[in-house]
């Protein structure tokens, strides 16, 4: 398989072909920085939070892919399976933004008001509301 080095990759790729998504000049270091920033924000969310557990595991996995690729953008794109590297960077930025909002919202805390009876019932399913 043909491996693109950074200069050759930049020479070949002029556009993502996706409206509004520009080619990033150096995406892998930016992706590492974004993943590490996300992990930093997640560290402020309680370890018992299901959101933190899921996103932290996924972010660590993606970070390990990027770090083990030795600068091979094509390998990262293939292993992440999120489209082009710029799309992966876009997803990572969105997750960082959401993690910051989850920290602000304190989504792991109990509801301030108890839900109305039947609020969490769906068609054909009944759920119970905990009294915590």
C-alpha atoms as a PDB file:
ATOM      1  CA  UNK A   1       0.000   0.000   0.000  1.00  0.00           C
ATOM      2  CA  UNK A   2       1.176   3.497  -0.804  1.00  0.00           C
ATOM      3  CA  UNK A   3       1.926   5.516   2.329  1.00  0.00           C
ATOM      4  CA  UNK A   4       1.644   9.288   2.092  1.00  0.00           C
ATOM      5  CA  UNK A   5       4.216  11.274   3.987  1.00  0.00           C
ATOM      6  CA  UNK A   6       3.195  14.678   5.349  1.00  0.00           C
ATOM      7  CA  UNK A   7       4.659  16.740   2.440  1.00  0.00           C
ATOM      8  CA  UNK A   8       3.227  14.376  -0.169  1.00  0.00           C
ATOM      9  CA  UNK A   9      -0.112  14.243   1.646  1.00  0.00           C
ATOM     10  CA  UNK A  10      -0.303  18.049   1.598  1.00  0.00           C
ATOM     11  CA  UNK A  11       0.666  18.125  -2.070  1.00  0.00           C
ATOM     12  CA  UNK A  12      -2.016  15.597  -3.005  1.00  0.00           C
ATOM     13  CA  UNK A  13      -4.919  16.683  -0.801  1.00  0.00           C
ATOM     14  CA  UNK A  14      -6.176  20.135  -1.688  1.00  0.00           C
ATOM     15  CA  UNK A  15      -9.799  19.722  -0.615  1.00  0.00           C
ATOM     16  CA  UNK A  16     -11.895  17.427   1.538  1.00  0.00           C
ATOM     17  CA  UNK A  17     -14.663  17.526  -1.021  1.00  0.00           C
ATOM     18  CA  UNK A  18     -17.046  18.404   1.818  1.00  0.00           C
ATOM     19  CA  UNK A  19     -18.597  21.866   1.778  1.00  0.00           C
ATOM     20  CA  UNK A  20     -17.498  23.854   4.811  1.00  0.00           C
ATOM     21  CA  UNK A  21     -14.754  21.425   5.860  1.00  0.00           C
ATOM     22  CA  UNK A  22     -11.280  22.633   4.945  1.00  0.00           C
ATOM     23  CA  UNK A  23      -8.136  20.545   4.703  1.00  0.00           C
ATOM     24  CA  UNK A  24      -6.246  20.816   7.990  1.00  0.00           C
ATOM     25  CA  UNK A  25      -2.530  21.509   7.458  1.00  0.00           C
ATOM     26  CA  UNK A  26      -1.365  19.312  10.362  1.00  0.00           C
ATOM     27  CA  UNK A  27      -4.313  17.260  11.662  1.00  0.00           C
ATOM     28  CA  UNK A  28      -2.676  14.547  13.789  1.00  0.00           C
ATOM     29  CA  UNK A  29      -1.086  16.819  16.428  1.00  0.00           C
ATOM     30  CA  UNK A  30      -4.342  18.776  16.581  1.00  0.00           C
ATOM     31  CA  UNK A  31      -6.299  15.549  17.039  1.00  0.00           C
ATOM     32  CA  UNK A  32      -3.983  14.452  19.882  1.00  0.00           C
ATOM     33  CA  UNK A  33      -4.367  17.881  21.509  1.00  0.00           C
ATOM     34  CA  UNK A  34      -8.165  17.723  21.233  1.00  0.00           C
ATOM     35  CA  UNK A  35      -8.353  14.194  22.661  1.00  0.00           C
ATOM     36  CA  UNK A  36      -6.106  15.178  25.580  1.00  0.00           C
ATOM     37  CA  UNK A  37      -8.206  18.295  26.232  1.00  0.00           C
ATOM     38  CA  UNK A  38     -11.340  16.137  26.280  1.00  0.00           C
ATOM     39  CA  UNK A  39      -9.726  13.783  28.802  1.00  0.00           C
ATOM     40  CA  UNK A  40      -8.805  16.821  30.905  1.00  0.00           C
ATOM     41  CA  UNK A  41     -12.404  18.030  30.978  1.00  0.00           C
ATOM     42  CA  UNK A  42     -13.692  14.518  31.711  1.00  0.00           C
ATOM     43  CA  UNK A  43     -11.367  14.311  34.724  1.00  0.00           C
ATOM     44  CA  UNK A  44     -13.603  16.923  36.393  1.00  0.00           C
ATOM     45  CA  UNK A  45     -16.714  14.767  36.003  1.00  0.00           C
ATOM     46  CA  UNK A  46     -17.290  12.114  38.703  1.00  0.00           C
ATOM     47  CA  UNK A  47     -15.904   8.670  37.849  1.00  0.00           C
ATOM     48  CA  UNK A  48     -19.336   7.173  38.498  1.00  0.00           C
ATOM     49  CA  UNK A  49     -20.845   9.135  35.598  1.00  0.00           C
ATOM     50  CA  UNK A  50     -21.814   6.807  32.763  1.00  0.00           C
ATOM     51  CA  UNK A  51     -21.110   9.612  30.288  1.00  0.00           C
ATOM     52  CA  UNK A  52     -17.557   9.999  31.589  1.00  0.00           C
ATOM     53  CA  UNK A  53     -16.916   6.260  31.548  1.00  0.00           C
ATOM     54  CA  UNK A  54     -18.077   5.848  27.960  1.00  0.00           C
ATOM     55  CA  UNK A  55     -16.469   8.931  26.460  1.00  0.00           C
ATOM     56  CA  UNK A  56     -13.236   8.468  28.377  1.00  0.00           C
ATOM     57  CA  UNK A  57     -12.840   4.883  27.155  1.00  0.00           C
ATOM     58  CA  UNK A  58     -13.598   5.852  23.560  1.00  0.00           C
ATOM     59  CA  UNK A  59     -11.311   8.897  23.647  1.00  0.00           C
ATOM     60  CA  UNK A  60      -8.420   6.894  25.125  1.00  0.00           C
ATOM     61  CA  UNK A  61      -8.905   4.252  22.407  1.00  0.00           C
ATOM     62  CA  UNK A  62      -8.899   6.870  19.639  1.00  0.00           C
ATOM     63  CA  UNK A  63      -5.872   8.605  21.167  1.00  0.00           C
ATOM     64  CA  UNK A  64      -3.965   5.320  21.188  1.00  0.00           C
ATOM     65  CA  UNK A  65      -4.751   4.861  17.479  1.00  0.00           C
ATOM     66  CA  UNK A  66      -3.428   8.310  16.601  1.00  0.00           C
ATOM     67  CA  UNK A  67      -0.317   7.985  18.751  1.00  0.00           C
ATOM     68  CA  UNK A  68       0.557   4.544  17.377  1.00  0.00           C
ATOM     69  CA  UNK A  69       0.187   5.612  13.722  1.00  0.00           C
ATOM     70  CA  UNK A  70       3.599   7.323  13.562  1.00  0.00           C
ATOM     71  CA  UNK A  71       2.228  10.187  11.477  1.00  0.00           C
ATOM     72  CA  UNK A  72       0.437   7.968   8.950  1.00  0.00           C
ATOM     73  CA  UNK A  73      -2.773   9.877   8.278  1.00  0.00           C
ATOM     74  CA  UNK A  74      -4.215   7.168   6.029  1.00  0.00           C
ATOM     75  CA  UNK A  75      -3.772   4.538   8.770  1.00  0.00           C
ATOM     76  CA  UNK A  76      -5.525   6.779  11.310  1.00  0.00           C
ATOM     77  CA  UNK A  77      -8.419   7.395   8.925  1.00  0.00           C
ATOM     78  CA  UNK A  78      -8.769   3.670   8.323  1.00  0.00           C
ATOM     79  CA  UNK A  79      -8.628   2.651  11.994  1.00  0.00           C
ATOM     80  CA  UNK A  80     -10.846   5.449  13.321  1.00  0.00           C
ATOM     81  CA  UNK A  81     -13.417   4.759  10.607  1.00  0.00           C
ATOM     82  CA  UNK A  82     -14.796   8.298  10.856  1.00  0.00           C
ATOM     83  CA  UNK A  83     -14.196   9.350   7.264  1.00  0.00           C
ATOM     84  CA  UNK A  84     -11.438  11.793   6.456  1.00  0.00           C
ATOM     85  CA  UNK A  85      -9.064  12.967   9.176  1.00  0.00           C
ATOM     86  CA  UNK A  86     -10.719  16.392   9.139  1.00  0.00           C
ATOM     87  CA  UNK A  87     -14.048  14.733   9.911  1.00  0.00           C
ATOM     88  CA  UNK A  88     -12.449  12.885  12.833  1.00  0.00           C
ATOM     89  CA  UNK A  89     -11.083  16.210  14.062  1.00  0.00           C
ATOM     90  CA  UNK A  90     -14.553  17.729  13.738  1.00  0.00           C
ATOM     91  CA  UNK A  91     -16.075  14.857  15.776  1.00  0.00           C
ATOM     92  CA  UNK A  92     -13.352  15.230  18.429  1.00  0.00           C
ATOM     93  CA  UNK A  93     -13.987  18.981  18.684  1.00  0.00           C
ATOM     94  CA  UNK A  94     -17.713  18.385  19.060  1.00  0.00           C
ATOM     95  CA  UNK A  95     -17.098  15.836  21.837  1.00  0.00           C
ATOM     96  CA  UNK A  96     -14.815  18.286  23.645  1.00  0.00           C
ATOM     97  CA  UNK A  97     -17.539  20.921  23.418  1.00  0.00           C
ATOM     98  CA  UNK A  98     -20.173  18.483  24.697  1.00  0.00           C
ATOM     99  CA  UNK A  99     -17.937  17.356  27.580  1.00  0.00           C
ATOM    100  CA  UNK A 100     -17.564  20.997  28.650  1.00  0.00           C
ATOM    101  CA  UNK A 101     -21.330  21.458  28.501  1.00  0.00           C
ATOM    102  CA  UNK A 102     -21.939  18.244  30.483  1.00  0.00           C
ATOM    103  CA  UNK A 103     -19.560  19.566  33.146  1.00  0.00           C
ATOM    104  CA  UNK A 104     -21.473  22.862  33.225  1.00  0.00           C
ATOM    105  CA  UNK A 105     -24.857  21.126  33.321  1.00  0.00           C
ATOM    106  CA  UNK A 106     -23.767  18.616  36.015  1.00  0.00           C
ATOM    107  CA  UNK A 107     -25.800  15.971  34.219  1.00  0.00           C
ATOM    108  CA  UNK A 108     -24.773  13.312  36.756  1.00  0.00           C
ATOM    109  CA  UNK A 109     -26.699  14.999  39.582  1.00  0.00           C
ATOM    110  CA  UNK A 110     -30.272  13.930  40.437  1.00  0.00           C
ATOM    111  CA  UNK A 111     -33.149  15.812  38.835  1.00  0.00           C
ATOM    112  CA  UNK A 112     -34.189  18.987  40.664  1.00  0.00           C
ATOM    113  CA  UNK A 113     -37.850  18.154  40.138  1.00  0.00           C
ATOM    114  CA  UNK A 114     -39.379  14.701  40.145  1.00  0.00           C
ATOM    115  CA  UNK A 115     -40.718  13.693  36.747  1.00  0.00           C
ATOM    116  CA  UNK A 116     -44.448  13.557  36.171  1.00  0.00           C
ATOM    117  CA  UNK A 117     -45.968  10.061  36.338  1.00  0.00           C
ATOM    118  CA  UNK A 118     -45.689   8.465  32.910  1.00  0.00           C
ATOM    119  CA  UNK A 119     -43.055  10.923  31.655  1.00  0.00           C
ATOM    120  CA  UNK A 120     -40.535   8.146  31.032  1.00  0.00           C
ATOM    121  CA  UNK A 121     -43.015   5.614  29.650  1.00  0.00           C
ATOM    122  CA  UNK A 122     -42.695   4.722  26.009  1.00  0.00           C
ATOM    123  CA  UNK A 123     -45.069   2.950  23.666  1.00  0.00           C
ATOM    124  CA  UNK A 124     -45.449  -0.607  24.886  1.00  0.00           C
ATOM    125  CA  UNK A 125     -42.930  -0.200  27.708  1.00  0.00           C
ATOM    126  CA  UNK A 126     -43.252   0.808  31.317  1.00  0.00           C
ATOM    127  CA  UNK A 127     -40.360   2.063  33.391  1.00  0.00           C
ATOM    128  CA  UNK A 128     -40.109   2.799  37.072  1.00  0.00           C
ATOM    129  CA  UNK A 129     -38.955   6.099  38.473  1.00  0.00           C
ATOM    130  CA  UNK A 130     -36.383   5.891  41.232  1.00  0.00           C
ATOM    131  CA  UNK A 131     -37.027   8.020  44.285  1.00  0.00           C
ATOM    132  CA  UNK A 132     -33.462   9.254  44.739  1.00  0.00           C
END
